[in-house]
Amino acid sequence: MSLEKTLVILKPSAVQRGLIGEITTRFERKGLRLAGMKMMQLDELLNEHYAHLSEKPFFQRVKNSMMASPVIVCCYEGVDAIQVVRSMTGATNGRVAIPGTIRGDFSVSSQENIVHTSDSPKTAIEEINRFFKPEELFEYKQVHMPYLY
């Protein structure tokens, strides 16, 4: 069984609305293992993280939104963790995200859409390395693993 890691950022819209526990509970109940978590205030790191948007007219608005308050950065692990997290998160635009997904339940915005998630194995590795030092990620055995897969 091959486990993969993925990055999740609980954006300022989640932090400001007090949704941290609700969202992390959903990932835990699904069976994803939390490998790392920290609160941080984003700044110039956003230029690297959103470099693919740097030429877009909304780039500064995205950066301003992500710097409005601290964020919670998480690394989750599981079988097909990237796809599992993206399915749980829902469409980028909260207005069209399916009810039952995180964005479908908590967002009515494309910009203030609660979470960022990695979209591919390559991106997940890059993003995890961008936001976490190796010593901030933990390997440990969960006793309930045989009951998950």
Protein backbone atom coordinates (compact mmCIF):
# COMPACT_ATOMS: atom_id res chain seq x y z
CA MET A 1 0.00 0.00 0.00
CA SER A 2 1.52 3.27 -1.14
CA LEU A 3 0.71 6.41 0.81
CA GLU A 4 1.05 9.89 -0.63
CA LYS A 5 1.25 13.26 1.07
CA THR A 6 -0.61 16.41 0.15
CA LEU A 7 -0.69 20.02 1.31
CA VAL A 8 -3.79 21.75 2.64
CA ILE A 9 -3.87 25.42 3.58
CA LEU A 10 -6.78 26.62 5.68
CA LYS A 11 -7.06 30.13 4.27
CA PRO A 12 -7.82 33.31 6.22
CA SER A 13 -11.51 32.84 5.33
CA ALA A 14 -11.48 29.56 7.31
CA VAL A 15 -9.43 30.98 10.19
CA GLN A 16 -11.56 34.13 10.52
CA ARG A 17 -14.79 32.14 10.48
CA GLY A 18 -13.64 29.64 13.12
CA LEU A 19 -13.76 26.60 10.80
CA ILE A 20 -10.34 25.09 11.60
CA GLY A 21 -11.64 22.30 13.82
CA GLU A 22 -14.57 21.49 11.55
CA ILE A 23 -12.36 21.13 8.49
CA THR A 24 -9.54 19.18 10.15
CA THR A 25 -12.13 16.86 11.71
CA ARG A 26 -13.46 16.02 8.25
CA PHE A 27 -10.01 14.99 7.02
CA GLU A 28 -9.36 12.94 10.16
CA ARG A 29 -12.73 11.19 9.99
CA LYS A 30 -12.07 10.30 6.37
CA GLY A 31 -8.95 8.45 7.53
CA LEU A 32 -6.17 10.79 6.44
CA ARG A 33 -3.16 10.93 8.73
CA LEU A 34 -1.97 14.37 9.81
CA ALA A 35 1.79 14.48 9.20
CA GLY A 36 2.32 18.16 10.01
CA MET A 37 0.42 21.29 10.99
CA LYS A 38 1.37 24.85 11.82
CA MET A 39 0.00 28.37 11.90
CA MET A 40 1.87 30.98 9.92
CA GLN A 41 1.48 34.49 8.56
CA LEU A 42 2.11 34.40 4.82
CA ASP A 43 4.09 37.13 3.10
CA GLU A 44 6.59 37.05 0.24
CA LEU A 45 6.33 33.25 0.14
CA LEU A 46 3.10 33.88 -1.76
CA ASN A 47 5.07 35.19 -4.75
CA GLU A 48 6.58 31.72 -5.12
CA HIS A 49 3.41 29.84 -4.24
CA TYR A 50 1.24 31.75 -6.71
CA ALA A 51 3.95 32.40 -9.35
CA HIS A 52 1.68 30.79 -11.96
CA LEU A 53 -0.79 33.65 -11.37
CA SER A 54 1.73 36.51 -11.31
CA GLU A 55 0.64 37.88 -14.71
CA LYS A 56 -3.07 37.75 -13.89
CA PRO A 57 -4.89 40.99 -13.02
CA PHE A 58 -6.19 39.46 -9.78
CA PHE A 59 -2.74 38.38 -8.48
CA GLN A 60 -2.43 41.15 -5.88
CA ARG A 61 -6.01 40.55 -4.69
CA VAL A 62 -5.18 36.85 -4.13
CA LYS A 63 -2.04 37.79 -2.18
CA ASN A 64 -3.92 40.36 -0.08
CA SER A 65 -6.59 37.79 0.73
CA MET A 66 -4.00 35.20 1.80
CA MET A 67 -2.23 37.75 4.04
CA ALA A 68 -5.42 39.00 5.75
CA SER A 69 -4.76 36.77 8.77
CA PRO A 70 -2.59 33.79 9.67
CA VAL A 71 -3.30 30.51 7.89
CA ILE A 72 -3.10 26.90 9.03
CA VAL A 73 -0.79 24.80 6.86
CA CYS A 74 -1.33 21.03 7.00
CA CYS A 75 0.26 17.98 5.45
CA TYR A 76 -2.03 14.95 5.22
CA GLU A 77 -1.11 11.44 4.17
CA GLY A 78 -3.10 8.50 2.84
CA VAL A 79 -3.74 6.29 -0.17
CA ASP A 80 -4.53 8.66 -3.06
CA ALA A 81 -4.50 11.53 -0.54
CA ILE A 82 -4.33 14.23 -3.22
CA GLN A 83 -7.49 13.06 -4.99
CA VAL A 84 -9.28 12.30 -1.72
CA VAL A 85 -8.61 15.80 -0.40
CA ARG A 86 -9.61 17.45 -3.66
CA SER A 87 -12.86 15.47 -3.78
CA MET A 88 -13.64 16.47 -0.20
CA THR A 89 -12.81 20.11 -0.95
CA GLY A 90 -15.08 20.57 -3.97
CA ALA A 91 -15.03 23.02 -6.85
CA THR A 92 -12.90 26.17 -6.53
CA ASN A 93 -15.96 28.41 -6.75
CA GLY A 94 -17.96 27.82 -3.58
CA ARG A 95 -21.20 28.83 -5.32
CA VAL A 96 -21.01 25.77 -7.57
CA ALA A 97 -19.30 23.36 -5.16
CA ILE A 98 -21.50 20.40 -4.30
CA PRO A 99 -23.11 20.46 -0.83
CA GLY A 100 -21.27 18.05 1.44
CA THR A 101 -17.87 19.26 0.21
CA ILE A 102 -15.91 21.75 2.30
CA ARG A 103 -16.41 24.59 -0.17
CA GLY A 104 -19.97 23.50 -0.88
CA ASP A 105 -20.81 23.76 2.81
CA PHE A 106 -18.77 26.81 3.82
CA SER A 107 -18.12 29.05 0.79
CA VAL A 108 -20.06 31.22 -1.63
CA SER A 109 -16.95 32.72 -3.21
CA SER A 110 -14.30 31.85 -5.74
CA GLN A 111 -11.71 33.97 -3.90
CA GLU A 112 -12.63 33.35 -0.25
CA ASN A 113 -12.97 29.62 -0.80
CA ILE A 114 -11.74 28.30 2.58
CA VAL A 115 -8.89 25.99 1.52
CA HIS A 116 -6.01 25.50 -0.88
CA THR A 117 -5.10 21.94 -1.85
CA SER A 118 -2.34 20.46 -3.97
CA ASP A 119 -3.53 19.42 -7.42
CA SER A 120 -0.96 16.76 -8.40
CA PRO A 121 1.81 14.60 -6.92
CA LYS A 122 4.48 16.93 -8.36
CA THR A 123 2.77 20.04 -6.97
CA ALA A 124 2.21 18.36 -3.60
CA ILE A 125 5.93 17.66 -3.19
CA GLU A 126 6.85 21.22 -4.21
CA GLU A 127 4.24 22.77 -1.91
CA ILE A 128 5.04 20.58 1.10
CA ASN A 129 8.73 21.47 0.71
CA ARG A 130 7.82 25.15 0.38
CA PHE A 131 5.84 25.27 3.61
CA PHE A 132 7.46 22.62 5.82
CA LYS A 133 10.99 21.85 6.93
CA PRO A 134 11.71 18.09 7.03
CA GLU A 135 11.77 18.12 10.84
CA GLU A 136 8.24 19.58 10.91
CA LEU A 137 6.76 16.45 9.30
CA PHE A 138 6.18 13.35 11.39
CA GLU A 139 6.00 9.64 10.61
CA TYR A 140 4.05 7.55 13.10
CA LYS A 141 1.90 4.47 13.02
CA GLN A 142 -1.82 4.80 13.57
CA VAL A 143 -3.30 1.76 15.26
CA HIS A 144 -6.49 1.97 13.20
CA MET A 145 -4.74 1.64 9.80
CA PRO A 146 -5.85 -1.99 9.28
CA TYR A 147 -9.45 -0.78 9.65
CA LEU A 148 -9.11 1.88 6.94
CA TYR A 149 -7.78 0.07 3.88
